[in-house]
All heavy atoms as atom14 arrays in JSON, in Angstrom:
{
  "sequence": "LRIIKHEQFGRYYGISHDIAVIKLQTSLRMGCGVSSIPLANSYPR",
  "atom14_mask": [
    [1, 1, 1, 1, 1, 1, 1, 1, 0, 0, 0, 0, 0, 0],
    [1, 1, 1, 1, 1, 1, 1, 1, 1, 1, 1, 0, 0, 0],
    [1, 1, 1, 1, 1, 1, 1, 1, 0, 0, 0, 0, 0, 0],
    [1, 1, 1, 1, 1, 1, 1, 1, 0, 0, 0, 0, 0, 0],
    [1, 1, 1, 1, 1, 1, 1, 1, 1, 0, 0, 0, 0, 0],
    [1, 1, 1, 1, 1, 1, 1, 1, 1, 1, 0, 0, 0, 0],
    [1, 1, 1, 1, 1, 1, 1, 1, 1, 0, 0, 0, 0, 0],
    [1, 1, 1, 1, 1, 1, 1, 1, 1, 0, 0, 0, 0, 0],
    [1, 1, 1, 1, 1, 1, 1, 1, 1, 1, 1, 0, 0, 0],
    [1, 1, 1, 1, 0, 0, 0, 0, 0, 0, 0, 0, 0, 0],
    [1, 1, 1, 1, 1, 1, 1, 1, 1, 1, 1, 0, 0, 0],
    [1, 1, 1, 1, 1, 1, 1, 1, 1, 1, 1, 1, 0, 0],
    [1, 1, 1, 1, 1, 1, 1, 1, 1, 1, 1, 1, 0, 0],
    [1, 1, 1, 1, 0, 0, 0, 0, 0, 0, 0, 0, 0, 0],
    [1, 1, 1, 1, 1, 1, 1, 1, 0, 0, 0, 0, 0, 0],
    [1, 1, 1, 1, 1, 1, 0, 0, 0, 0, 0, 0, 0, 0],
    [1, 1, 1, 1, 1, 1, 1, 1, 1, 1, 0, 0, 0, 0],
    [1, 1, 1, 1, 1, 1, 1, 1, 0, 0, 0, 0, 0, 0],
    [1, 1, 1, 1, 1, 1, 1, 1, 0, 0, 0, 0, 0, 0],
    [1, 1, 1, 1, 1, 0, 0, 0, 0, 0, 0, 0, 0, 0],
    [1, 1, 1, 1, 1, 1, 1, 0, 0, 0, 0, 0, 0, 0],
    [1, 1, 1, 1, 1, 1, 1, 1, 0, 0, 0, 0, 0, 0],
    [1, 1, 1, 1, 1, 1, 1, 1, 1, 0, 0, 0, 0, 0],
    [1, 1, 1, 1, 1, 1, 1, 1, 0, 0, 0, 0, 0, 0],
    [1, 1, 1, 1, 1, 1, 1, 1, 1, 0, 0, 0, 0, 0],
    [1, 1, 1, 1, 1, 1, 1, 0, 0, 0, 0, 0, 0, 0],
    [1, 1, 1, 1, 1, 1, 0, 0, 0, 0, 0, 0, 0, 0],
    [1, 1, 1, 1, 1, 1, 1, 1, 0, 0, 0, 0, 0, 0],
    [1, 1, 1, 1, 1, 1, 1, 1, 1, 1, 1, 0, 0, 0],
    [1, 1, 1, 1, 1, 1, 1, 1, 0, 0, 0, 0, 0, 0],
    [1, 1, 1, 1, 0, 0, 0, 0, 0, 0, 0, 0, 0, 0],
    [1, 1, 1, 1, 1, 1, 0, 0, 0, 0, 0, 0, 0, 0],
    [1, 1, 1, 1, 0, 0, 0, 0, 0, 0, 0, 0, 0, 0],
    [1, 1, 1, 1, 1, 1, 1, 0, 0, 0, 0, 0, 0, 0],
    [1, 1, 1, 1, 1, 1, 0, 0, 0, 0, 0, 0, 0, 0],
    [1, 1, 1, 1, 1, 1, 0, 0, 0, 0, 0, 0, 0, 0],
    [1, 1, 1, 1, 1, 1, 1, 1, 0, 0, 0, 0, 0, 0],
    [1, 1, 1, 1, 1, 1, 1, 0, 0, 0, 0, 0, 0, 0],
    [1, 1, 1, 1, 1, 1, 1, 1, 0, 0, 0, 0, 0, 0],
    [1, 1, 1, 1, 1, 0, 0, 0, 0, 0, 0, 0, 0, 0],
    [1, 1, 1, 1, 1, 1, 1, 1, 0, 0, 0, 0, 0, 0],
    [1, 1, 1, 1, 1, 1, 0, 0, 0, 0, 0, 0, 0, 0],
    [1, 1, 1, 1, 1, 1, 1, 1, 1, 1, 1, 1, 0, 0],
    [1, 1, 1, 1, 1, 1, 1, 0, 0, 0, 0, 0, 0, 0],
    [1, 1, 1, 1, 1, 1, 1, 1, 1, 1, 1, 0, 0, 0]
  ],
  "atom14_positions": [
    [[0.85, -1.21, -0.01], [-0.06, -0.01, 0.0], [0.85, 1.32, 0.01], [0.65, 2.19, -0.83], [-0.87, -0.03, 1.21], [-1.84, 1.29, 1.43], [-2.75, 1.39, 0.29], [-2.51, 1.18, 2.79], [0.0, 0.0, 0.0], [0.0, 0.0, 0.0], [0.0, 0.0, 0.0], [0.0, 0.0, 0.0], [0.0, 0.0, 0.0], [0.0, 0.0, 0.0]],
    [[1.81, 1.23, 0.86], [2.63, 2.47, 1.01], [4.06, 2.24, 1.53], [4.31, 1.13, 2.15], [2.09, 3.47, 1.98], [2.57, 4.84, 1.97], [1.94, 5.82, 3.0], [2.66, 7.07, 3.06], [2.5, 7.92, 4.09], [1.71, 7.58, 5.18], [3.21, 9.1, 4.12], [0.0, 0.0, 0.0], [0.0, 0.0, 0.0], [0.0, 0.0, 0.0]],
    [[4.96, 2.93, 1.09], [6.4, 2.75, 1.41], [7.02, 4.09, 1.99], [6.81, 5.11, 1.38], [7.29, 2.27, 0.32], [6.82, 0.97, -0.4], [8.71, 2.23, 0.61], [7.34, 0.62, -1.73], [0.0, 0.0, 0.0], [0.0, 0.0, 0.0], [0.0, 0.0, 0.0], [0.0, 0.0, 0.0], [0.0, 0.0, 0.0], [0.0, 0.0, 0.0]],
    [[7.81, 3.96, 3.11], [8.51, 5.08, 3.59], [10.1, 4.79, 3.61], [10.38, 3.75, 4.33], [8.05, 5.55, 4.93], [6.59, 6.16, 4.97], [8.94, 6.7, 5.45], [6.11, 6.53, 6.26], [0.0, 0.0, 0.0], [0.0, 0.0, 0.0], [0.0, 0.0, 0.0], [0.0, 0.0, 0.0], [0.0, 0.0, 0.0], [0.0, 0.0, 0.0]],
    [[10.82, 5.37, 2.92], [12.27, 5.3, 2.99], [12.88, 6.09, 4.09], [12.36, 7.25, 4.19], [13.06, 5.54, 1.74], [12.58, 4.58, 0.44], [13.55, 4.88, -0.72], [13.13, 4.17, -1.93], [13.99, 4.43, -3.06], [0.0, 0.0, 0.0], [0.0, 0.0, 0.0], [0.0, 0.0, 0.0], [0.0, 0.0, 0.0], [0.0, 0.0, 0.0]],
    [[13.97, 5.89, 4.62], [14.7, 6.68, 5.51], [15.05, 8.01, 4.68], [15.58, 7.91, 3.67], [15.83, 6.08, 6.11], [16.33, 6.86, 7.32], [16.9, 8.1, 7.28], [16.36, 6.45, 8.67], [17.28, 8.39, 8.49], [16.83, 7.49, 9.37], [0.0, 0.0, 0.0], [0.0, 0.0, 0.0], [0.0, 0.0, 0.0], [0.0, 0.0, 0.0]],
    [[14.73, 9.15, 5.38], [15.07, 10.42, 4.62], [16.48, 10.72, 4.27], [16.75, 11.43, 3.35], [14.4, 11.52, 5.51], [12.97, 11.47, 5.75], [12.51, 10.5, 6.81], [13.38, 10.05, 7.56], [11.31, 10.27, 6.89], [0.0, 0.0, 0.0], [0.0, 0.0, 0.0], [0.0, 0.0, 0.0], [0.0, 0.0, 0.0], [0.0, 0.0, 0.0]],
    [[17.36, 10.06, 5.09], [18.75, 10.32, 4.87], [19.4, 9.27, 3.93], [20.58, 9.37, 3.65], [19.54, 10.36, 6.18], [19.18, 11.62, 7.02], [20.12, 11.72, 8.18], [21.34, 11.7, 8.08], [19.46, 11.81, 9.35], [0.0, 0.0, 0.0], [0.0, 0.0, 0.0], [0.0, 0.0, 0.0], [0.0, 0.0, 0.0], [0.0, 0.0, 0.0]],
    [[18.69, 8.38, 3.44], [19.2, 7.31, 2.54], [19.64, 8.01, 1.25], [18.86, 8.82, 0.58], [18.1, 6.29, 2.23], [18.5, 5.4, 1.01], [19.61, 4.49, 1.21], [17.96, 5.5, -0.24], [19.98, 3.66, 0.25], [18.38, 4.75, -1.17], [19.3, 3.74, -1.0], [0.0, 0.0, 0.0], [0.0, 0.0, 0.0], [0.0, 0.0, 0.0]],
    [[20.75, 7.74, 0.84], [21.37, 8.3, -0.43], [22.24, 9.5, -0.27], [22.83, 9.97, -1.24], [0.0, 0.0, 0.0], [0.0, 0.0, 0.0], [0.0, 0.0, 0.0], [0.0, 0.0, 0.0], [0.0, 0.0, 0.0], [0.0, 0.0, 0.0], [0.0, 0.0, 0.0], [0.0, 0.0, 0.0], [0.0, 0.0, 0.0], [0.0, 0.0, 0.0]],
    [[22.25, 10.0, 0.91], [23.06, 11.23, 1.13], [24.51, 10.91, 1.51], [25.37, 11.84, 1.16], [22.57, 12.01, 2.43], [21.15, 12.48, 2.23], [20.84, 13.36, 3.38], [19.42, 13.95, 3.2], [18.84, 14.77, 4.08], [19.5, 15.12, 5.25], [17.59, 15.14, 3.91], [0.0, 0.0, 0.0], [0.0, 0.0, 0.0], [0.0, 0.0, 0.0]],
    [[24.91, 9.66, 1.87], [26.32, 9.3, 2.08], [26.61, 8.12, 1.03], [26.65, 6.98, 1.48], [26.45, 8.88, 3.53], [26.08, 9.92, 4.53], [24.76, 9.89, 5.1], [26.91, 10.98, 4.82], [24.45, 10.82, 6.02], [26.52, 11.97, 5.78], [25.3, 11.94, 6.3], [24.92, 12.83, 7.19], [0.0, 0.0, 0.0], [0.0, 0.0, 0.0]],
    [[26.97, 8.52, -0.15], [27.31, 7.57, -1.14], [26.35, 6.54, -1.38], [26.51, 5.58, -1.92], [28.57, 6.8, -0.74], [29.82, 7.83, -0.55], [30.14, 8.39, 0.71], [30.64, 8.15, -1.65], [31.19, 9.13, 0.86], [31.66, 9.07, -1.43], [31.99, 9.51, -0.21], [32.96, 10.38, -0.02], [0.0, 0.0, 0.0], [0.0, 0.0, 0.0]],
    [[25.0, 6.82, -0.98], [23.86, 6.07, -1.22], [23.87, 4.76, -0.37], [23.06, 3.77, -0.79], [0.0, 0.0, 0.0], [0.0, 0.0, 0.0], [0.0, 0.0, 0.0], [0.0, 0.0, 0.0], [0.0, 0.0, 0.0], [0.0, 0.0, 0.0], [0.0, 0.0, 0.0], [0.0, 0.0, 0.0], [0.0, 0.0, 0.0], [0.0, 0.0, 0.0]],
    [[24.67, 4.7, 0.65], [24.66, 3.4, 1.49], [24.2, 3.51, 2.86], [23.89, 2.51, 3.5], [26.08, 2.85, 1.39], [27.13, 3.84, 1.88], [26.52, 2.42, -0.02], [28.59, 3.22, 2.01], [0.0, 0.0, 0.0], [0.0, 0.0, 0.0], [0.0, 0.0, 0.0], [0.0, 0.0, 0.0], [0.0, 0.0, 0.0], [0.0, 0.0, 0.0]],
    [[24.27, 4.76, 3.46], [23.83, 4.91, 4.82], [22.3, 4.91, 4.99], [21.58, 5.4, 3.98], [24.49, 6.09, 5.46], [24.19, 6.2, 6.82], [0.0, 0.0, 0.0], [0.0, 0.0, 0.0], [0.0, 0.0, 0.0], [0.0, 0.0, 0.0], [0.0, 0.0, 0.0], [0.0, 0.0, 0.0], [0.0, 0.0, 0.0], [0.0, 0.0, 0.0]],
    [[21.81, 4.55, 6.11], [20.39, 4.67, 6.43], [19.48, 3.79, 5.41], [18.45, 4.2, 4.93], [19.9, 6.06, 6.5], [20.65, 6.88, 7.46], [21.74, 7.55, 7.25], [20.2, 7.24, 8.82], [22.07, 8.19, 8.31], [21.13, 8.04, 9.22], [0.0, 0.0, 0.0], [0.0, 0.0, 0.0], [0.0, 0.0, 0.0], [0.0, 0.0, 0.0]],
    [[20.13, 2.64, 5.03], [19.43, 1.82, 4.06], [18.27, 1.02, 4.6], [18.39, -0.24, 4.77], [20.54, 0.92, 3.36], [20.06, 0.3, 2.11], [18.9, 0.59, 1.6], [20.8, -0.71, 1.62], [0.0, 0.0, 0.0], [0.0, 0.0, 0.0], [0.0, 0.0, 0.0], [0.0, 0.0, 0.0], [0.0, 0.0, 0.0], [0.0, 0.0, 0.0]],
    [[17.24, 1.63, 4.93], [16.07, 1.02, 5.47], [14.84, 1.67, 5.07], [14.64, 2.81, 4.75], [16.19, 0.96, 6.96], [15.12, 0.01, 7.58], [16.01, 2.37, 7.57], [15.47, -0.29, 9.07], [0.0, 0.0, 0.0], [0.0, 0.0, 0.0], [0.0, 0.0, 0.0], [0.0, 0.0, 0.0], [0.0, 0.0, 0.0], [0.0, 0.0, 0.0]],
    [[13.8, 0.79, 4.83], [12.46, 1.28, 4.51], [11.42, 0.52, 5.24], [11.61, -0.67, 5.59], [12.2, 1.18, 2.91], [0.0, 0.0, 0.0], [0.0, 0.0, 0.0], [0.0, 0.0, 0.0], [0.0, 0.0, 0.0], [0.0, 0.0, 0.0], [0.0, 0.0, 0.0], [0.0, 0.0, 0.0], [0.0, 0.0, 0.0], [0.0, 0.0, 0.0]],
    [[10.2, 1.1, 5.4], [9.08, 0.54, 6.13], [7.87, 0.41, 5.04], [7.65, 1.37, 4.41], [8.66, 1.26, 7.39], [7.44, 0.72, 7.95], [9.82, 1.38, 8.49], [0.0, 0.0, 0.0], [0.0, 0.0, 0.0], [0.0, 0.0, 0.0], [0.0, 0.0, 0.0], [0.0, 0.0, 0.0], [0.0, 0.0, 0.0], [0.0, 0.0, 0.0]],
    [[7.32, -0.76, 5.02], [6.28, -0.98, 4.02], [4.98, -1.31, 4.8], [4.96, -2.16, 5.59], [6.69, -2.17, 3.13], [7.82, -1.88, 2.31], [5.42, -2.66, 2.25], [8.4, -3.06, 1.44], [0.0, 0.0, 0.0], [0.0, 0.0, 0.0], [0.0, 0.0, 0.0], [0.0, 0.0, 0.0], [0.0, 0.0, 0.0], [0.0, 0.0, 0.0]],
    [[3.89, -0.71, 4.33], [2.55, -1.06, 4.85], [1.91, -1.82, 3.79], [1.81, -1.46, 2.59], [1.71, 0.26, 5.15], [0.38, -0.11, 5.79], [-0.29, 1.16, 6.24], [-1.53, 0.75, 7.01], [-2.24, 1.98, 7.53], [0.0, 0.0, 0.0], [0.0, 0.0, 0.0], [0.0, 0.0, 0.0], [0.0, 0.0, 0.0], [0.0, 0.0, 0.0]],
    [[1.14, -2.96, 4.16], [0.58, -3.87, 3.21], [-0.94, -3.44, 3.06], [-1.54, -2.87, 4.01], [0.73, -5.21, 3.74], [2.07, -5.74, 3.95], [2.05, -7.22, 4.52], [2.84, -5.87, 2.64], [0.0, 0.0, 0.0], [0.0, 0.0, 0.0], [0.0, 0.0, 0.0], [0.0, 0.0, 0.0], [0.0, 0.0, 0.0], [0.0, 0.0, 0.0]],
    [[-1.53, -3.76, 1.96], [-2.85, -3.46, 1.72], [-3.9, -4.22, 2.46], [-4.9, -3.81, 2.93], [-3.29, -3.64, 0.27], [-2.54, -2.61, -0.72], [-3.13, -2.74, -2.18], [-4.16, -3.33, -2.39], [-2.5, -2.04, -3.0], [0.0, 0.0, 0.0], [0.0, 0.0, 0.0], [0.0, 0.0, 0.0], [0.0, 0.0, 0.0], [0.0, 0.0, 0.0]],
    [[-3.52, -5.5, 2.83], [-4.34, -6.32, 3.74], [-3.39, -7.03, 4.72], [-2.2, -7.21, 4.5], [-4.98, -7.46, 2.91], [-4.02, -8.21, 2.03], [-6.08, -6.86, 1.94], [0.0, 0.0, 0.0], [0.0, 0.0, 0.0], [0.0, 0.0, 0.0], [0.0, 0.0, 0.0], [0.0, 0.0, 0.0], [0.0, 0.0, 0.0], [0.0, 0.0, 0.0]],
    [[-3.97, -7.5, 5.77], [-3.22, -8.07, 6.86], [-2.77, -9.51, 6.64], [-3.56, -10.27, 5.87], [-4.06, -8.12, 8.15], [-4.41, -6.85, 8.57], [0.0, 0.0, 0.0], [0.0, 0.0, 0.0], [0.0, 0.0, 0.0], [0.0, 0.0, 0.0], [0.0, 0.0, 0.0], [0.0, 0.0, 0.0], [0.0, 0.0, 0.0], [0.0, 0.0, 0.0]],
    [[-1.57, -9.82, 7.06], [-1.09, -11.19, 6.84], [-1.74, -12.15, 7.85], [-2.22, -11.7, 8.85], [0.43, -11.24, 7.25], [1.4, -10.39, 6.36], [2.71, -10.43, 6.82], [1.38, -10.86, 4.86], [0.0, 0.0, 0.0], [0.0, 0.0, 0.0], [0.0, 0.0, 0.0], [0.0, 0.0, 0.0], [0.0, 0.0, 0.0], [0.0, 0.0, 0.0]],
    [[-1.91, -13.4, 7.38], [-2.52, -14.45, 8.39], [-1.36, -15.08, 9.09], [-0.59, -15.8, 8.44], [-3.22, -15.45, 7.54], [-4.5, -14.84, 6.84], [-5.33, -15.96, 6.1], [-4.57, -16.86, 5.22], [-4.33, -16.52, 3.94], [-4.72, -15.43, 3.38], [-3.63, -17.33, 3.22], [0.0, 0.0, 0.0], [0.0, 0.0, 0.0], [0.0, 0.0, 0.0]],
    [[-1.2, -14.61, 10.34], [-0.07, -15.09, 11.11], [-0.28, -16.53, 11.45], [-1.48, -16.98, 11.7], [0.16, -14.26, 12.42], [0.11, -12.79, 12.02], [1.49, -12.24, 10.98], [2.73, -11.85, 12.21], [0.0, 0.0, 0.0], [0.0, 0.0, 0.0], [0.0, 0.0, 0.0], [0.0, 0.0, 0.0], [0.0, 0.0, 0.0], [0.0, 0.0, 0.0]],
    [[0.82, -17.26, 11.65], [0.63, -18.73, 12.1], [1.85, -19.44, 11.76], [3.0, -18.85, 11.75], [0.0, 0.0, 0.0], [0.0, 0.0, 0.0], [0.0, 0.0, 0.0], [0.0, 0.0, 0.0], [0.0, 0.0, 0.0], [0.0, 0.0, 0.0], [0.0, 0.0, 0.0], [0.0, 0.0, 0.0], [0.0, 0.0, 0.0], [0.0, 0.0, 0.0]],
    [[1.75, -20.68, 11.58], [3.07, -21.44, 11.26], [3.67, -21.03, 9.92], [3.07, -20.92, 8.83], [2.59, -22.94, 10.99], [3.92, -24.09, 10.7], [0.0, 0.0, 0.0], [0.0, 0.0, 0.0], [0.0, 0.0, 0.0], [0.0, 0.0, 0.0], [0.0, 0.0, 0.0], [0.0, 0.0, 0.0], [0.0, 0.0, 0.0], [0.0, 0.0, 0.0]],
    [[4.88, -20.56, 9.99], [5.67, -20.07, 8.94], [5.47, -18.61, 8.6], [6.03, -18.09, 7.69], [0.0, 0.0, 0.0], [0.0, 0.0, 0.0], [0.0, 0.0, 0.0], [0.0, 0.0, 0.0], [0.0, 0.0, 0.0], [0.0, 0.0, 0.0], [0.0, 0.0, 0.0], [0.0, 0.0, 0.0], [0.0, 0.0, 0.0], [0.0, 0.0, 0.0]],
    [[4.63, -17.97, 9.38], [4.38, -16.52, 9.17], [4.33, -15.86, 10.59], [3.3, -15.97, 11.39], [3.07, -16.17, 8.5], [2.98, -14.59, 8.17], [3.03, -16.97, 7.12], [0.0, 0.0, 0.0], [0.0, 0.0, 0.0], [0.0, 0.0, 0.0], [0.0, 0.0, 0.0], [0.0, 0.0, 0.0], [0.0, 0.0, 0.0], [0.0, 0.0, 0.0]],
    [[5.45, -15.11, 10.97], [5.48, -14.59, 12.37], [6.28, -13.35, 12.35], [7.2, -13.19, 11.54], [6.05, -15.59, 13.36], [6.13, -15.11, 14.62], [0.0, 0.0, 0.0], [0.0, 0.0, 0.0], [0.0, 0.0, 0.0], [0.0, 0.0, 0.0], [0.0, 0.0, 0.0], [0.0, 0.0, 0.0], [0.0, 0.0, 0.0], [0.0, 0.0, 0.0]],
    [[6.09, -12.47, 13.31], [6.89, -11.23, 13.33], [8.11, -11.55, 14.22], [8.27, -12.54, 14.82], [6.06, -10.08, 13.98], [5.64, -10.43, 15.34], [0.0, 0.0, 0.0], [0.0, 0.0, 0.0], [0.0, 0.0, 0.0], [0.0, 0.0, 0.0], [0.0, 0.0, 0.0], [0.0, 0.0, 0.0], [0.0, 0.0, 0.0], [0.0, 0.0, 0.0]],
    [[9.03, -10.57, 14.14], [10.24, -10.64, 14.94], [10.49, -9.28, 15.62], [10.22, -8.24, 15.04], [11.46, -11.05, 14.12], [12.62, -11.2, 14.98], [11.69, -9.93, 12.96], [13.9, -11.81, 14.18], [0.0, 0.0, 0.0], [0.0, 0.0, 0.0], [0.0, 0.0, 0.0], [0.0, 0.0, 0.0], [0.0, 0.0, 0.0], [0.0, 0.0, 0.0]],
    [[10.78, -9.32, 16.95], [11.08, -8.03, 17.59], [12.27, -7.2, 17.08], [13.33, -7.94, 16.81], [11.08, -8.38, 19.03], [11.46, -9.8, 19.09], [10.93, -10.46, 17.81], [0.0, 0.0, 0.0], [0.0, 0.0, 0.0], [0.0, 0.0, 0.0], [0.0, 0.0, 0.0], [0.0, 0.0, 0.0], [0.0, 0.0, 0.0], [0.0, 0.0, 0.0]],
    [[12.29, -5.96, 17.19], [13.52, -5.17, 16.9], [14.47, -5.18, 18.01], [14.11, -5.11, 19.24], [13.07, -3.73, 16.65], [11.98, -3.42, 15.62], [11.71, -1.96, 15.47], [12.39, -4.04, 14.31], [0.0, 0.0, 0.0], [0.0, 0.0, 0.0], [0.0, 0.0, 0.0], [0.0, 0.0, 0.0], [0.0, 0.0, 0.0], [0.0, 0.0, 0.0]],
    [[15.77, -5.29, 17.82], [16.8, -5.3, 18.83], [16.95, -3.88, 19.44], [16.77, -2.8, 18.77], [18.12, -5.65, 18.23], [0.0, 0.0, 0.0], [0.0, 0.0, 0.0], [0.0, 0.0, 0.0], [0.0, 0.0, 0.0], [0.0, 0.0, 0.0], [0.0, 0.0, 0.0], [0.0, 0.0, 0.0], [0.0, 0.0, 0.0], [0.0, 0.0, 0.0]],
    [[17.21, -3.87, 20.75], [17.42, -2.63, 21.49], [18.9, -2.2, 21.47], [19.27, -1.15, 21.68], [16.89, -2.75, 22.96], [15.52, -2.86, 23.01], [14.77, -1.86, 22.57], [15.02, -3.81, 23.69], [0.0, 0.0, 0.0], [0.0, 0.0, 0.0], [0.0, 0.0, 0.0], [0.0, 0.0, 0.0], [0.0, 0.0, 0.0], [0.0, 0.0, 0.0]],
    [[19.73, -3.27, 21.2], [21.15, -3.02, 21.17], [21.76, -4.0, 20.24], [21.18, -4.98, 19.86], [21.87, -3.21, 22.59], [21.57, -4.44, 23.08], [0.0, 0.0, 0.0], [0.0, 0.0, 0.0], [0.0, 0.0, 0.0], [0.0, 0.0, 0.0], [0.0, 0.0, 0.0], [0.0, 0.0, 0.0], [0.0, 0.0, 0.0], [0.0, 0.0, 0.0]],
    [[22.98, -3.67, 19.67], [23.54, -4.57, 18.77], [24.6, -5.56, 19.35], [25.2, -5.16, 20.39], [24.14, -3.92, 17.49], [25.02, -2.83, 17.76], [26.5, -3.2, 17.97], [24.7, -1.55, 17.95], [27.5, -2.17, 18.21], [25.66, -0.47, 18.14], [26.99, -0.94, 18.25], [27.95, 0.1, 18.5], [0.0, 0.0, 0.0], [0.0, 0.0, 0.0]],
    [[24.81, -6.75, 18.88], [25.73, -7.75, 19.5], [27.08, -7.28, 19.52], [27.49, -6.53, 18.6], [25.43, -8.91, 18.7], [24.18, -8.76, 17.89], [24.14, -7.28, 17.74], [0.0, 0.0, 0.0], [0.0, 0.0, 0.0], [0.0, 0.0, 0.0], [0.0, 0.0, 0.0], [0.0, 0.0, 0.0], [0.0, 0.0, 0.0], [0.0, 0.0, 0.0]],
    [[27.94, -7.71, 20.42], [29.38, -7.52, 20.42], [30.02, -8.16, 19.32], [29.63, -9.14, 18.71], [29.88, -7.92, 21.83], [29.36, -7.16, 23.07], [30.06, -7.68, 24.23], [29.6, -6.93, 25.42], [30.05, -7.19, 26.69], [30.93, -8.13, 26.87], [29.58, -6.42, 27.73], [0.0, 0.0, 0.0], [0.0, 0.0, 0.0], [0.0, 0.0, 0.0]]
  ]
}
């Protein structure tokens, strides 16, 4: 349905802030083989 790219993507040789969020037109049917994953609060050592 809609896509938002990070506003700073492309400003640093096109490689920094390489992330986008996508909204779907209809909801996914969650279950076996379809599940969300939580975002990390910190990155591994």
